């Protein structure tokens, strides 16, 4: 049960991170130039 809870929290966080990126909540998608400078 604990493993399922951890998985649920992980996927929920991943989903929210994707939504925030997709909707542009202050997080612009990386351009090729920005990736090169990381």
N, C-alpha and C. Protein backbone atom coordinates (compact mmCIF):
# COMPACT_ATOMS: atom_id res chain seq x y z
N UNK A 1 0.84 -1.21 0.00
CA UNK A 1 0.00 0.00 0.00
C UNK A 1 0.88 1.25 0.00
N UNK A 2 1.96 1.20 0.77
CA UNK A 2 2.84 2.37 0.85
C UNK A 2 3.49 2.64 -0.51
N UNK A 3 3.86 1.56 -1.21
CA UNK A 3 4.49 1.73 -2.53
C UNK A 3 3.51 2.38 -3.50
N UNK A 4 2.25 1.96 -3.45
CA UNK A 4 1.25 2.54 -4.34
C UNK A 4 1.04 4.01 -4.03
N UNK A 5 1.09 4.37 -2.76
CA UNK A 5 0.91 5.77 -2.36
C UNK A 5 2.06 6.61 -2.88
N UNK A 6 3.29 6.08 -2.75
CA UNK A 6 4.46 6.81 -3.25
C UNK A 6 4.36 6.98 -4.77
N UNK A 7 3.94 5.93 -5.46
CA UNK A 7 3.79 6.03 -6.91
C UNK A 7 2.74 7.05 -7.29
N UNK A 8 1.64 7.08 -6.55
CA UNK A 8 0.57 8.03 -6.84
C UNK A 8 1.06 9.46 -6.65
N UNK A 9 1.79 9.71 -5.57
CA UNK A 9 2.33 11.05 -5.31
C UNK A 9 3.33 11.43 -6.39
N UNK A 10 4.18 10.48 -6.79
CA UNK A 10 5.18 10.74 -7.82
C UNK A 10 4.51 11.13 -9.14
N UNK A 11 3.53 10.33 -9.57
CA UNK A 11 2.88 10.61 -10.84
C UNK A 11 2.04 11.88 -10.78
N UNK A 12 1.46 12.16 -9.62
CA UNK A 12 0.71 13.40 -9.46
C UNK A 12 1.64 14.60 -9.59
N UNK A 13 2.81 14.51 -8.96
CA UNK A 13 3.79 15.59 -9.07
C UNK A 13 4.27 15.76 -10.50
N UNK A 14 4.50 14.64 -11.18
CA UNK A 14 4.95 14.69 -12.57
C UNK A 14 3.87 15.32 -13.44
N UNK A 15 2.61 14.94 -13.18
CA UNK A 15 1.48 15.48 -13.94
C UNK A 15 1.33 16.98 -13.72
N UNK A 16 1.44 17.41 -12.47
CA UNK A 16 1.34 18.85 -12.17
C UNK A 16 2.50 19.62 -12.78
N UNK A 17 3.70 19.02 -12.77
CA UNK A 17 4.86 19.67 -13.38
C UNK A 17 4.63 19.84 -14.88
N UNK A 18 4.07 18.80 -15.51
CA UNK A 18 3.79 18.89 -16.94
C UNK A 18 2.73 19.95 -17.22
N UNK A 19 1.69 19.98 -16.41
CA UNK A 19 0.63 20.98 -16.60
C UNK A 19 1.18 22.39 -16.45
N UNK A 20 2.02 22.60 -15.44
CA UNK A 20 2.56 23.94 -15.21
C UNK A 20 3.46 24.35 -16.37
N UNK A 21 4.23 23.38 -16.92
CA UNK A 21 5.08 23.69 -18.07
C UNK A 21 4.23 23.97 -19.30
N UNK A 22 3.22 23.11 -19.50
CA UNK A 22 2.39 23.20 -20.71
C UNK A 22 1.57 24.49 -20.71
N UNK A 23 1.08 24.88 -19.56
CA UNK A 23 0.26 26.10 -19.47
C UNK A 23 1.11 27.35 -19.35
N UNK A 24 2.43 27.18 -19.16
CA UNK A 24 3.33 28.32 -19.12
C UNK A 24 3.21 29.13 -17.84
N UNK A 25 3.13 28.45 -16.68
CA UNK A 25 3.06 29.17 -15.40
C UNK A 25 4.44 29.65 -15.00
N UNK A 26 4.99 30.59 -15.78
CA UNK A 26 6.30 31.11 -15.46
C UNK A 26 7.43 30.17 -15.83
N UNK A 27 7.11 29.09 -16.54
CA UNK A 27 8.13 28.13 -16.93
C UNK A 27 8.08 27.96 -18.44
N UNK A 28 9.00 28.61 -19.15
CA UNK A 28 9.03 28.49 -20.60
C UNK A 28 9.73 27.20 -21.01
N UNK A 29 9.29 26.58 -22.09
CA UNK A 29 9.99 25.39 -22.59
C UNK A 29 11.43 25.75 -22.95
N UNK A 30 12.34 24.83 -22.71
CA UNK A 30 13.74 25.09 -23.01
C UNK A 30 13.96 25.15 -24.52
N UNK A 31 14.75 26.13 -24.93
CA UNK A 31 15.21 26.17 -26.32
C UNK A 31 16.52 25.42 -26.40
N UNK A 32 16.98 25.13 -27.60
CA UNK A 32 18.24 24.40 -27.77
C UNK A 32 19.40 25.16 -27.14
N UNK A 33 19.38 26.48 -27.26
CA UNK A 33 20.46 27.29 -26.70
C UNK A 33 20.49 27.19 -25.17
N UNK A 34 19.31 27.20 -24.55
CA UNK A 34 19.25 27.12 -23.09
C UNK A 34 19.72 25.76 -22.60
N UNK A 35 19.38 24.71 -23.33
CA UNK A 35 19.81 23.37 -22.94
C UNK A 35 21.33 23.26 -23.02
N UNK A 36 21.93 23.88 -24.03
CA UNK A 36 23.39 23.83 -24.18
C UNK A 36 24.10 24.54 -23.04
N UNK A 37 23.45 25.52 -22.43
CA UNK A 37 24.12 26.29 -21.37
C UNK A 37 23.89 25.70 -19.99
N UNK A 38 23.11 24.63 -19.89
CA UNK A 38 22.85 24.03 -18.57
C UNK A 38 24.11 23.36 -18.03
